[in-house]
Amino acid sequence: MSTIAVDAMGGDSAPEEVVKGAILAKKEGVDVILSGDENLIKSYLGNEKIPVINYPQVISMDDDPARAIRSNKDSSIIGALNLVKEKKADAVFSAGSTGATLIGAISVLGKIKGVTRPTIASVLPGKEKEVILVDSGANLEVKPKVLYQFAIMGSKLSELLFDIENPRIGLINNGEESSKGRELEKSTFKLLKSSQLNFIGNVEGKDFANSKVDVFVTDGFTGNVVLKTLQGVAKLQQDLISKSLKENLFKPLLVPVKNAISPVKSMLNPNSTNGSYLLGVNGLVIIGHGSSNSEAIKNALLFTSRAVEKRFINKFTEVSSEL
């Protein structure tokens, strides 16, 4: 059985919602160790027997990540990462500061050999199957070689998760033509075109609605804007559909129609999975949304546990031979 180290102080509603989510995950068979302010965490645990390690310092979303990691050696995210380093846990989950998790993971666990910069990969719903967006928030400014490495890591992730032999790679741009984009996209296009990857070419935001590629590649600034936009649009669509059904549908049909569209609603709900992979570090690190509630935390921990059971990190480290 896998053991997940949880940054209990990370997130907008931590530690209460994180602890509640950990309790729910434990009831579904996930072993959890909570890292954070021991006294505060135990006040929410009640009679639940979940181990707690005391790392009372908190890194907030407003803190400078690099400075915070250097000066807060007893922060909850460092405690969780140390558990993996010491082989007392199989993976880390945090819904706290993405920057602090990234820098902390590099500092404590180290990077996979050959990786210039680790990246965040998010799994998103697609028309026919799920797709991968990389980078979805780790690196705001990058060079073409780094984007090329992101494409390699995204391709490897797609192979492992979806059993795709040769995943199609697309570079997010403001047009399909090779001449479009900033110098970053133009230079990256040339690198990808001459590589062994299955590079389809430039793709646009609208292509998330079709099955044109399996992996969307971009810098972390653009990727995070894309991710949040997709989540916002999905929420808007759900709200508009619900409103329209209530106002226009014959009342006895309301429940069966809602039941019929429930699977789609679940698919578009970010809380249903609530986990993105931090790729390129020597350990399995999963990042969740800062606004996660207890249900989202539970689902993220189940998601993390499944990744451990599939020996994901062992398989993924093979990517270093291609960098």
C-alpha atoms as a PDB file:
ATOM      1  CA  MET A   1       0.000   0.000   0.000  1.00  0.00           C
ATOM      2  CA  SER A   2       1.298   3.467  -0.893  1.00  0.00           C
ATOM      3  CA  THR A   3       1.975   6.209   1.651  1.00  0.00           C
ATOM      4  CA  ILE A   4       1.397   9.829   0.664  1.00  0.00           C
ATOM      5  CA  ALA A   5       3.100  12.730   2.422  1.00  0.00           C
ATOM      6  CA  VAL A   6       0.675  15.650   2.513  1.00  0.00           C
ATOM      7  CA  ASP A   7       1.535  19.317   2.897  1.00  0.00           C
ATOM      8  CA  ALA A   8      -1.223  19.952   5.424  1.00  0.00           C
ATOM      9  CA  MET A   9      -0.632  23.714   5.551  1.00  0.00           C
ATOM     10  CA  GLY A  10      -0.799  24.235   1.784  1.00  0.00           C
ATOM     11  CA  GLY A  11      -3.965  25.686   0.252  1.00  0.00           C
ATOM     12  CA  ASP A  12      -6.525  28.426   0.748  1.00  0.00           C
ATOM     13  CA  SER A  13      -8.472  26.423   3.348  1.00  0.00           C
ATOM     14  CA  ALA A  14      -5.573  24.606   5.021  1.00  0.00           C
ATOM     15  CA  PRO A  15      -5.226  22.852   7.307  1.00  0.00           C
ATOM     16  CA  GLU A  16      -8.923  22.140   7.931  1.00  0.00           C
ATOM     17  CA  GLU A  17      -9.954  21.065   4.426  1.00  0.00           C
ATOM     18  CA  VAL A  18      -6.657  19.253   3.829  1.00  0.00           C
ATOM     19  CA  VAL A  19      -7.040  17.239   7.034  1.00  0.00           C
ATOM     20  CA  LYS A  20     -10.671  16.422   6.239  1.00  0.00           C
ATOM     21  CA  GLY A  21      -9.634  15.300   2.751  1.00  0.00           C
ATOM     22  CA  ALA A  22      -6.882  13.125   4.205  1.00  0.00           C
ATOM     23  CA  ILE A  23      -9.415  11.475   6.524  1.00  0.00           C
ATOM     24  CA  LEU A  24     -11.706  10.742   3.558  1.00  0.00           C
ATOM     25  CA  ALA A  25      -8.780   9.296   1.564  1.00  0.00           C
ATOM     26  CA  LYS A  26      -7.750   7.104   4.493  1.00  0.00           C
ATOM     27  CA  LYS A  27     -11.266   5.647   4.588  1.00  0.00           C
ATOM     28  CA  GLU A  28     -10.763   4.647   0.950  1.00  0.00           C
ATOM     29  CA  GLY A  29      -7.506   2.859   1.683  1.00  0.00           C
ATOM     30  CA  VAL A  30      -4.784   5.505   1.252  1.00  0.00           C
ATOM     31  CA  ASP A  31      -2.087   5.733   3.927  1.00  0.00           C
ATOM     32  CA  VAL A  32      -1.307   9.381   4.678  1.00  0.00           C
ATOM     33  CA  ILE A  33       1.278  11.284   6.723  1.00  0.00           C
ATOM     34  CA  LEU A  34       0.463  14.922   7.429  1.00  0.00           C
ATOM     35  CA  SER A  35       3.222  17.544   7.542  1.00  0.00           C
ATOM     36  CA  GLY A  36       2.540  20.830   9.306  1.00  0.00           C
ATOM     37  CA  ASP A  37       1.659  22.496  12.588  1.00  0.00           C
ATOM     38  CA  GLU A  38       1.071  19.463  14.807  1.00  0.00           C
ATOM     39  CA  ASN A  39      -1.166  21.178  17.364  1.00  0.00           C
ATOM     40  CA  LEU A  40      -3.349  22.792  14.721  1.00  0.00           C
ATOM     41  CA  ILE A  41      -3.634  19.619  12.629  1.00  0.00           C
ATOM     42  CA  LYS A  42      -4.585  17.448  15.597  1.00  0.00           C
ATOM     43  CA  SER A  43      -7.420  19.813  16.456  1.00  0.00           C
ATOM     44  CA  TYR A  44      -9.070  18.760  13.180  1.00  0.00           C
ATOM     45  CA  LEU A  45      -8.130  15.070  13.329  1.00  0.00           C
ATOM     46  CA  GLY A  46     -10.362  14.221  16.269  1.00  0.00           C
ATOM     47  CA  ASN A  47     -10.065  10.489  16.950  1.00  0.00           C
ATOM     48  CA  GLU A  48      -8.568   9.680  13.543  1.00  0.00           C
ATOM     49  CA  LYS A  49      -5.189   7.929  13.748  1.00  0.00           C
ATOM     50  CA  ILE A  50      -3.164   9.668  11.026  1.00  0.00           C
ATOM     51  CA  PRO A  51       0.560  10.281  11.651  1.00  0.00           C
ATOM     52  CA  VAL A  52       1.655  13.928  11.877  1.00  0.00           C
ATOM     53  CA  ILE A  53       5.176  15.344  11.631  1.00  0.00           C
ATOM     54  CA  ASN A  54       5.675  18.774  13.124  1.00  0.00           C
ATOM     55  CA  TYR A  55       6.828  21.283  10.499  1.00  0.00           C
ATOM     56  CA  PRO A  56       4.980  24.374  11.741  1.00  0.00           C
ATOM     57  CA  GLN A  57       6.190  27.027   9.301  1.00  0.00           C
ATOM     58  CA  VAL A  58       3.831  28.014   6.479  1.00  0.00           C
ATOM     59  CA  ILE A  59       4.777  29.341   3.049  1.00  0.00           C
ATOM     60  CA  SER A  60       1.931  31.464   1.731  1.00  0.00           C
ATOM     61  CA  MET A  61       0.923  32.118  -1.865  1.00  0.00           C
ATOM     62  CA  ASP A  62       2.263  35.681  -1.508  1.00  0.00           C
ATOM     63  CA  ASP A  63       5.745  34.694  -0.334  1.00  0.00           C
ATOM     64  CA  ASP A  64       8.678  34.736  -2.720  1.00  0.00           C
ATOM     65  CA  PRO A  65       9.169  30.970  -3.294  1.00  0.00           C
ATOM     66  CA  ALA A  66      12.972  30.896  -3.486  1.00  0.00           C
ATOM     67  CA  ARG A  67      13.466  33.123  -0.448  1.00  0.00           C
ATOM     68  CA  ALA A  68      10.781  31.277   1.514  1.00  0.00           C
ATOM     69  CA  ILE A  69      12.334  27.859   0.874  1.00  0.00           C
ATOM     70  CA  ARG A  70      15.759  29.113   1.951  1.00  0.00           C
ATOM     71  CA  SER A  71      14.526  30.750   5.142  1.00  0.00           C
ATOM     72  CA  ASN A  72      11.782  28.308   6.200  1.00  0.00           C
ATOM     73  CA  LYS A  73      13.527  24.993   6.738  1.00  0.00           C
ATOM     74  CA  ASP A  74      10.664  23.863   8.977  1.00  0.00           C
ATOM     75  CA  SER A  75       7.933  24.601   6.432  1.00  0.00           C
ATOM     76  CA  SER A  76       5.247  21.994   5.846  1.00  0.00           C
ATOM     77  CA  ILE A  77       6.199  21.411   2.198  1.00  0.00           C
ATOM     78  CA  ILE A  78       9.841  20.751   3.147  1.00  0.00           C
ATOM     79  CA  GLY A  79       8.675  18.261   5.770  1.00  0.00           C
ATOM     80  CA  ALA A  80       6.570  16.387   3.210  1.00  0.00           C
ATOM     81  CA  LEU A  81       9.408  16.318   0.675  1.00  0.00           C
ATOM     82  CA  ASN A  82      11.848  15.062   3.310  1.00  0.00           C
ATOM     83  CA  LEU A  83       9.582  12.083   3.954  1.00  0.00           C
ATOM     84  CA  VAL A  84       9.998  11.019   0.319  1.00  0.00           C
ATOM     85  CA  LYS A  85      13.729  11.660   0.386  1.00  0.00           C
ATOM     86  CA  GLU A  86      14.016   9.507   3.520  1.00  0.00           C
ATOM     87  CA  LYS A  87      11.826   6.832   1.860  1.00  0.00           C
ATOM     88  CA  LYS A  88       9.181   7.128   4.585  1.00  0.00           C
ATOM     89  CA  ALA A  89       6.608   8.075   1.941  1.00  0.00           C
ATOM     90  CA  ASP A  90       6.136   7.210  -1.725  1.00  0.00           C
ATOM     91  CA  ALA A  91       4.867  10.578  -2.975  1.00  0.00           C
ATOM     92  CA  VAL A  92       4.088  14.162  -2.006  1.00  0.00           C
ATOM     93  CA  PHE A  93       0.865  16.085  -2.476  1.00  0.00           C
ATOM     94  CA  SER A  94       0.517  19.831  -1.966  1.00  0.00           C
ATOM     95  CA  ALA A  95      -2.197  22.373  -2.748  1.00  0.00           C
ATOM     96  CA  GLY A  96       0.032  25.176  -1.516  1.00  0.00           C
ATOM     97  CA  SER A  97       2.376  27.561  -3.314  1.00  0.00           C
ATOM     98  CA  THR A  98       3.305  26.033  -6.677  1.00  0.00           C
ATOM     99  CA  GLY A  99       6.570  27.949  -6.758  1.00  0.00           C
ATOM    100  CA  ALA A 100       7.554  26.777  -3.279  1.00  0.00           C
ATOM    101  CA  THR A 101       6.681  23.178  -4.145  1.00  0.00           C
ATOM    102  CA  LEU A 102       8.747  23.392  -7.332  1.00  0.00           C
ATOM    103  CA  ILE A 103      11.814  24.953  -5.705  1.00  0.00           C
ATOM    104  CA  GLY A 104      11.473  22.757  -2.627  1.00  0.00           C
ATOM    105  CA  ALA A 105      11.318  19.605  -4.766  1.00  0.00           C
ATOM    106  CA  ILE A 106      14.436  20.626  -6.696  1.00  0.00           C
ATOM    107  CA  SER A 107      16.244  21.431  -3.429  1.00  0.00           C
ATOM    108  CA  VAL A 108      15.245  18.314  -1.490  1.00  0.00           C
ATOM    109  CA  LEU A 109      14.780  15.648  -4.177  1.00  0.00           C
ATOM    110  CA  GLY A 110      16.952  16.985  -6.999  1.00  0.00           C
ATOM    111  CA  LYS A 111      16.305  16.966 -10.737  1.00  0.00           C
ATOM    112  CA  ILE A 112      16.335  13.946 -13.017  1.00  0.00           C
ATOM    113  CA  LYS A 113      19.637  13.783 -14.885  1.00  0.00           C
ATOM    114  CA  GLY A 114      19.477  15.843 -18.068  1.00  0.00           C
ATOM    115  CA  VAL A 115      16.446  17.943 -17.081  1.00  0.00           C
ATOM    116  CA  THR A 116      17.108  21.677 -17.306  1.00  0.00           C
ATOM    117  CA  ARG A 117      13.855  22.725 -15.636  1.00  0.00           C
ATOM    118  CA  PRO A 118      11.094  20.602 -14.095  1.00  0.00           C
ATOM    119  CA  THR A 119       7.611  21.300 -15.419  1.00  0.00           C
ATOM    120  CA  ILE A 120       3.979  20.876 -14.429  1.00  0.00           C
ATOM    121  CA  ALA A 121       1.827  18.617 -16.586  1.00  0.00           C
ATOM    122  CA  SER A 122      -1.959  18.736 -16.267  1.00  0.00           C
ATOM    123  CA  VAL A 123      -4.281  16.042 -17.601  1.00  0.00           C
ATOM    124  CA  LEU A 124      -7.362  17.588 -19.207  1.00  0.00           C
ATOM    125  CA  PRO A 125     -10.555  16.166 -20.711  1.00  0.00           C
ATOM    126  CA  GLY A 126     -10.608  15.916 -24.506  1.00  0.00           C
ATOM    127  CA  LYS A 127     -13.167  15.140 -27.185  1.00  0.00           C
ATOM    128  CA  GLU A 128     -12.117  11.494 -27.599  1.00  0.00           C
ATOM    129  CA  LYS A 129      -9.672  11.003 -24.728  1.00  0.00           C
ATOM    130  CA  GLU A 130      -7.722  12.972 -22.153  1.00  0.00           C
ATOM    131  CA  VAL A 131      -4.886  15.233 -23.255  1.00  0.00           C
ATOM    132  CA  ILE A 132      -1.817  16.706 -21.532  1.00  0.00           C
ATOM    133  CA  LEU A 133      -0.925  20.373 -21.107  1.00  0.00           C
ATOM    134  CA  VAL A 134       2.715  21.100 -20.298  1.00  0.00           C
ATOM    135  CA  ASP A 135       3.849  23.528 -18.801  1.00  0.00           C
ATOM    136  CA  SER A 136       0.744  24.559 -16.839  1.00  0.00           C
ATOM    137  CA  GLY A 137       2.430  26.933 -14.423  1.00  0.00           C
ATOM    138  CA  ALA A 138       5.979  26.157 -13.301  1.00  0.00           C
ATOM    139  CA  ASN A 139       8.168  28.240 -15.630  1.00  0.00           C
ATOM    140  CA  LEU A 140       7.022  31.686 -16.700  1.00  0.00           C
ATOM    141  CA  GLU A 141       9.977  32.364 -19.000  1.00  0.00           C
ATOM    142  CA  VAL A 142      11.785  29.655 -20.917  1.00  0.00           C
ATOM    143  CA  LYS A 143      14.144  29.101 -23.838  1.00  0.00           C
ATOM    144  CA  PRO A 144      13.420  26.911 -26.888  1.00  0.00           C
ATOM    145  CA  LYS A 145      15.586  24.054 -25.581  1.00  0.00           C
ATOM    146  CA  VAL A 146      13.519  23.968 -22.389  1.00  0.00           C
ATOM    147  CA  LEU A 147      10.238  23.825 -24.334  1.00  0.00           C
ATOM    148  CA  TYR A 148      11.756  21.003 -26.368  1.00  0.00           C
ATOM    149  CA  GLN A 149      12.447  19.107 -23.121  1.00  0.00           C
ATOM    150  CA  PHE A 150       8.881  19.780 -21.980  1.00  0.00           C
ATOM    151  CA  ALA A 151       7.679  18.149 -25.199  1.00  0.00           C
ATOM    152  CA  ILE A 152       9.821  15.075 -24.511  1.00  0.00           C
ATOM    153  CA  MET A 153       8.555  14.783 -20.940  1.00  0.00           C
ATOM    154  CA  GLY A 154       4.946  15.364 -22.027  1.00  0.00           C
ATOM    155  CA  SER A 155       5.298  12.695 -24.695  1.00  0.00           C
ATOM    156  CA  LYS A 156       6.694  10.207 -22.172  1.00  0.00           C
ATOM    157  CA  LEU A 157       3.865  11.006 -19.754  1.00  0.00           C
ATOM    158  CA  SER A 158       1.279  10.420 -22.471  1.00  0.00           C
ATOM    159  CA  GLU A 159       2.863   7.067 -23.314  1.00  0.00           C
ATOM    160  CA  LEU A 160       2.760   5.944 -19.679  1.00  0.00           C
ATOM    161  CA  LEU A 161      -0.731   7.196 -18.837  1.00  0.00           C
ATOM    162  CA  PHE A 162      -2.599   6.374 -22.021  1.00  0.00           C
ATOM    163  CA  ASP A 163      -0.503   3.623 -23.669  1.00  0.00           C
ATOM    164  CA  ILE A 164      -0.016   5.785 -26.764  1.00  0.00           C
ATOM    165  CA  GLU A 165       2.927   4.510 -28.794  1.00  0.00           C
ATOM    166  CA  ASN A 166       3.859   7.766 -30.497  1.00  0.00           C
ATOM    167  CA  PRO A 167       1.943  10.703 -28.949  1.00  0.00           C
ATOM    168  CA  ARG A 168       1.164  13.672 -31.195  1.00  0.00           C
ATOM    169  CA  ILE A 169       2.806  16.882 -30.006  1.00  0.00           C
ATOM    170  CA  GLY A 170       1.462  20.378 -30.674  1.00  0.00           C
ATOM    171  CA  LEU A 171       3.087  23.734 -29.870  1.00  0.00           C
ATOM    172  CA  ILE A 172       0.571  26.304 -28.616  1.00  0.00           C
ATOM    173  CA  ASN A 173       0.743  29.421 -30.783  1.00  0.00           C
ATOM    174  CA  ASN A 174      -1.415  32.237 -32.141  1.00  0.00           C
ATOM    175  CA  GLY A 175      -1.737  30.518 -35.503  1.00  0.00           C
ATOM    176  CA  GLU A 176      -0.944  27.250 -37.259  1.00  0.00           C
ATOM    177  CA  GLU A 177       1.669  28.633 -39.670  1.00  0.00           C
ATOM    178  CA  SER A 178       5.332  28.027 -38.808  1.00  0.00           C
ATOM    179  CA  SER A 179       6.016  31.757 -39.182  1.00  0.00           C
ATOM    180  CA  LYS A 180       3.585  32.672 -36.386  1.00  0.00           C
ATOM    181  CA  GLY A 181       4.442  33.518 -32.791  1.00  0.00           C
ATOM    182  CA  ARG A 182       7.271  35.056 -30.843  1.00  0.00           C
ATOM    183  CA  GLU A 183      10.895  34.152 -31.405  1.00  0.00           C
ATOM    184  CA  LEU A 184      10.430  31.519 -28.678  1.00  0.00           C
ATOM    185  CA  GLU A 185       7.750  29.669 -30.653  1.00  0.00           C
ATOM    186  CA  LYS A 186       9.546  30.054 -33.984  1.00  0.00           C
ATOM    187  CA  SER A 187      12.796  28.612 -32.640  1.00  0.00           C
ATOM    188  CA  THR A 188      11.013  25.855 -30.717  1.00  0.00           C
ATOM    189  CA  PHE A 189       9.067  24.927 -33.858  1.00  0.00           C
ATOM    190  CA  LYS A 190      12.374  24.291 -35.682  1.00  0.00           C
ATOM    191  CA  LEU A 191      13.704  22.144 -32.822  1.00  0.00           C
ATOM    192  CA  LEU A 192      10.561  20.044 -32.651  1.00  0.00           C
ATOM    193  CA  LYS A 193      10.328  19.730 -36.423  1.00  0.00           C
ATOM    194  CA  SER A 194      13.838  18.253 -36.621  1.00  0.00           C
ATOM    195  CA  SER A 195      13.340  15.929 -33.617  1.00  0.00           C
ATOM    196  CA  GLN A 196      12.227  12.300 -33.408  1.00  0.00           C
ATOM    197  CA  LEU A 197       9.015  13.353 -31.684  1.00  0.00           C
ATOM    198  CA  ASN A 198       5.680  13.046 -33.474  1.00  0.00           C
ATOM    199  CA  PHE A 199       5.387  16.819 -33.881  1.00  0.00           C
ATOM    200  CA  ILE A 200       2.183  17.835 -35.664  1.00  0.00           C
ATOM    201  CA  GLY A 201       2.941  21.568 -35.719  1.00  0.00           C
ATOM    202  CA  ASN A 202       1.448  24.662 -34.139  1.00  0.00           C
ATOM    203  CA  VAL A 203      -1.919  24.410 -32.422  1.00  0.00           C
ATOM    204  CA  GLU A 204      -4.311  27.044 -31.103  1.00  0.00           C
ATOM    205  CA  GLY A 205      -6.520  27.324 -28.033  1.00  0.00           C
ATOM    206  CA  LYS A 206      -9.528  26.064 -29.992  1.00  0.00           C
ATOM    207  CA  ASP A 207      -7.770  22.747 -30.562  1.00  0.00           C
ATOM    208  CA  PHE A 208      -8.441  21.682 -26.971  1.00  0.00           C
ATOM    209  CA  ALA A 209     -11.974  21.032 -28.239  1.00  0.00           C
ATOM    210  CA  ASN A 210     -10.827  18.428 -30.774  1.00  0.00           C
ATOM    211  CA  SER A 211      -8.419  15.501 -30.877  1.00  0.00           C
ATOM    212  CA  LYS A 212      -5.711  17.100 -32.980  1.00  0.00           C
ATOM    213  CA  VAL A 213      -2.838  16.332 -30.571  1.00  0.00           C
ATOM    214  CA  ASP A 214      -2.179  14.351 -27.410  1.00  0.00           C
ATOM    215  CA  VAL A 215       0.253  16.821 -25.810  1.00  0.00           C
ATOM    216  CA  PHE A 216      -0.021  20.625 -25.847  1.00  0.00           C
ATOM    217  CA  VAL A 217       3.324  22.334 -25.200  1.00  0.00           C
ATOM    218  CA  THR A 218       3.880  25.913 -24.033  1.00  0.00           C
ATOM    219  CA  ASP A 219       5.587  28.062 -21.407  1.00  0.00           C
ATOM    220  CA  GLY A 220       4.220  28.150 -17.850  1.00  0.00           C
ATOM    221  CA  PHE A 221       2.728  31.642 -18.128  1.00  0.00           C
ATOM    222  CA  THR A 222       0.701  30.819 -21.232  1.00  0.00           C
ATOM    223  CA  GLY A 223      -0.132  27.347 -19.947  1.00  0.00           C
ATOM    224  CA  ASN A 224      -1.488  28.585 -16.642  1.00  0.00           C
ATOM    225  CA  VAL A 225      -3.660  31.183 -18.402  1.00  0.00           C
ATOM    226  CA  VAL A 226      -4.951  28.453 -20.737  1.00  0.00           C
ATOM    227  CA  LEU A 227      -5.651  26.106 -17.813  1.00  0.00           C
ATOM    228  CA  LYS A 228      -7.544  28.700 -15.770  1.00  0.00           C
ATOM    229  CA  THR A 229      -9.459  29.848 -18.865  1.00  0.00           C
ATOM    230  CA  LEU A 230     -10.562  26.303 -19.669  1.00  0.00           C
ATOM    231  CA  GLN A 231     -11.681  25.791 -16.072  1.00  0.00           C
ATOM    232  CA  GLY A 232     -13.588  29.088 -16.101  1.00  0.00           C
ATOM    233  CA  VAL A 233     -15.310  28.342 -19.398  1.00  0.00           C
ATOM    234  CA  ALA A 234     -16.276  24.852 -18.193  1.00  0.00           C
ATOM    235  CA  LYS A 235     -17.795  26.334 -15.026  1.00  0.00           C
ATOM    236  CA  LEU A 236     -19.666  28.971 -17.053  1.00  0.00           C
ATOM    237  CA  GLN A 237     -21.066  26.333 -19.406  1.00  0.00           C
ATOM    238  CA  GLN A 238     -22.245  24.188 -16.510  1.00  0.00           C
ATOM    239  CA  ASP A 239     -23.941  27.150 -14.834  1.00  0.00           C
ATOM    240  CA  LEU A 240     -25.637  28.278 -18.059  1.00  0.00           C
ATOM    241  CA  ILE A 241     -26.851  24.763 -18.872  1.00  0.00           C
ATOM    242  CA  SER A 242     -28.225  24.279 -15.336  1.00  0.00           C
ATOM    243  CA  LYS A 243     -29.973  27.643 -15.500  1.00  0.00           C
ATOM    244  CA  SER A 244     -31.462  26.893 -18.909  1.00  0.00           C
ATOM    245  CA  LEU A 245     -32.709  23.468 -17.816  1.00  0.00           C
ATOM    246  CA  LYS A 246     -34.430  24.908 -14.744  1.00  0.00           C
ATOM    247  CA  GLU A 247     -36.085  27.673 -16.743  1.00  0.00           C
ATOM    248  CA  ASN A 248     -37.075  25.807 -19.909  1.00  0.00           C
ATOM    249  CA  LEU A 249     -37.390  22.090 -19.234  1.00  0.00           C
ATOM    250  CA  PHE A 250     -40.639  20.381 -18.262  1.00  0.00           C
ATOM    251  CA  LYS A 251     -40.118  19.828 -14.518  1.00  0.00           C
ATOM    252  CA  PRO A 252     -40.657  16.007 -14.440  1.00  0.00           C
ATOM    253  CA  LEU A 253     -37.838  15.676 -17.005  1.00  0.00           C
ATOM    254  CA  LEU A 254     -35.360  17.750 -14.993  1.00  0.00           C
ATOM    255  CA  VAL A 255     -33.959  14.912 -12.861  1.00  0.00           C
ATOM    256  CA  PRO A 256     -33.443  12.354 -15.692  1.00  0.00           C
ATOM    257  CA  VAL A 257     -31.809  14.988 -17.905  1.00  0.00           C
ATOM    258  CA  LYS A 258     -29.505  16.078 -15.090  1.00  0.00           C
ATOM    259  CA  ASN A 259     -28.583  12.436 -14.497  1.00  0.00           C
ATOM    260  CA  ALA A 260     -27.843  12.012 -18.201  1.00  0.00           C
ATOM    261  CA  ILE A 261     -25.375  14.905 -18.288  1.00  0.00           C
ATOM    262  CA  SER A 262     -23.840  14.112 -14.885  1.00  0.00           C
ATOM    263  CA  PRO A 263     -20.846  12.183 -16.349  1.00  0.00           C
ATOM    264  CA  VAL A 264     -19.916  15.189 -18.482  1.00  0.00           C
ATOM    265  CA  LYS A 265     -20.278  17.533 -15.528  1.00  0.00           C
ATOM    266  CA  SER A 266     -17.972  15.303 -13.491  1.00  0.00           C
ATOM    267  CA  MET A 267     -15.433  15.169 -16.307  1.00  0.00           C
ATOM    268  CA  LEU A 268     -15.280  18.965 -16.495  1.00  0.00           C
ATOM    269  CA  ASN A 269     -15.064  19.430 -12.726  1.00  0.00           C
ATOM    270  CA  PRO A 270     -11.429  20.151 -11.749  1.00  0.00           C
ATOM    271  CA  ASN A 271     -12.116  18.783  -8.264  1.00  0.00           C
ATOM    272  CA  SER A 272     -12.764  15.305  -9.662  1.00  0.00           C
ATOM    273  CA  THR A 273      -9.040  14.698 -10.176  1.00  0.00           C
ATOM    274  CA  ASN A 274      -7.360  17.832  -8.823  1.00  0.00           C
ATOM    275  CA  GLY A 275      -3.808  16.736  -9.492  1.00  0.00           C
ATOM    276  CA  SER A 276      -1.017  17.781 -11.837  1.00  0.00           C
ATOM    277  CA  TYR A 277       2.343  16.044 -12.175  1.00  0.00           C
ATOM    278  CA  LEU A 278       5.585  17.850 -11.353  1.00  0.00           C
ATOM    279  CA  LEU A 279       7.831  16.258 -13.963  1.00  0.00           C
ATOM    280  CA  GLY A 280      11.628  16.224 -13.889  1.00  0.00           C
ATOM    281  CA  VAL A 281      12.384  15.707 -10.180  1.00  0.00           C
ATOM    282  CA  ASN A 282      13.565  12.544  -8.430  1.00  0.00           C
ATOM    283  CA  GLY A 283      10.285  11.653  -6.797  1.00  0.00           C
ATOM    284  CA  LEU A 284       6.561  11.680  -7.364  1.00  0.00           C
ATOM    285  CA  VAL A 285       5.153  15.129  -6.587  1.00  0.00           C
ATOM    286  CA  ILE A 286       1.524  16.014  -7.286  1.00  0.00           C
ATOM    287  CA  ILE A 287       0.240  19.598  -7.187  1.00  0.00           C
ATOM    288  CA  GLY A 288      -3.396  20.475  -6.471  1.00  0.00           C
ATOM    289  CA  HIS A 289      -5.519  23.602  -6.755  1.00  0.00           C
ATOM    290  CA  GLY A 290      -5.110  26.145  -3.972  1.00  0.00           C
ATOM    291  CA  SER A 291      -8.891  26.394  -3.631  1.00  0.00           C
ATOM    292  CA  SER A 292      -9.298  22.654  -3.030  1.00  0.00           C
ATOM    293  CA  ASN A 293     -12.010  21.544  -0.625  1.00  0.00           C
ATOM    294  CA  SER A 294     -11.959  18.250   1.283  1.00  0.00           C
ATOM    295  CA  GLU A 295     -13.529  16.310  -1.605  1.00  0.00           C
ATOM    296  CA  ALA A 296     -10.927  17.665  -4.019  1.00  0.00           C
ATOM    297  CA  ILE A 297      -8.119  16.784  -1.588  1.00  0.00           C
ATOM    298  CA  LYS A 298      -9.462  13.243  -1.247  1.00  0.00           C
ATOM    299  CA  ASN A 299      -9.619  12.788  -5.016  1.00  0.00           C
ATOM    300  CA  ALA A 300      -6.112  14.178  -5.414  1.00  0.00           C
ATOM    301  CA  LEU A 301      -4.764  11.717  -2.860  1.00  0.00           C
ATOM    302  CA  LEU A 302      -6.507   8.821  -4.617  1.00  0.00           C
ATOM    303  CA  PHE A 303      -5.014  10.108  -7.897  1.00  0.00           C
ATOM    304  CA  THR A 304      -1.554  10.222  -6.293  1.00  0.00           C
ATOM    305  CA  SER A 305      -1.931   6.745  -4.823  1.00  0.00           C
ATOM    306  CA  ARG A 306      -2.823   5.271  -8.220  1.00  0.00           C
ATOM    307  CA  ALA A 307       0.281   6.880  -9.732  1.00  0.00           C
ATOM    308  CA  VAL A 308       2.431   5.242  -7.053  1.00  0.00           C
ATOM    309  CA  GLU A 309       0.834   1.847  -7.622  1.00  0.00           C
ATOM    310  CA  LYS A 310       1.569   2.108 -11.351  1.00  0.00           C
ATOM    311  CA  ARG A 311       5.256   2.703 -10.476  1.00  0.00           C
ATOM    312  CA  PHE A 312       4.984   5.927 -12.408  1.00  0.00           C
ATOM    313  CA  ILE A 313       8.159   7.633 -11.218  1.00  0.00           C
ATOM    314  CA  ASN A 314      10.301   4.543 -11.847  1.00  0.00           C
ATOM    315  CA  LYS A 315       9.114   4.384 -15.428  1.00  0.00           C
ATOM    316  CA  PHE A 316       9.262   8.117 -16.016  1.00  0.00           C
ATOM    317  CA  THR A 317      12.912   8.482 -14.986  1.00  0.00           C
ATOM    318  CA  GLU A 318      13.785   6.593 -18.152  1.00  0.00           C
ATOM    319  CA  VAL A 319      13.089   9.854 -19.954  1.00  0.00           C
ATOM    320  CA  SER A 320      16.530  11.119 -18.889  1.00  0.00           C
ATOM    321  CA  SER A 321      18.133   9.014 -21.592  1.00  0.00           C
ATOM    322  CA  GLU A 322      16.277  11.061 -24.226  1.00  0.00           C
ATOM    323  CA  LEU A 323      17.213  14.533 -22.907  1.00  0.00           C
END
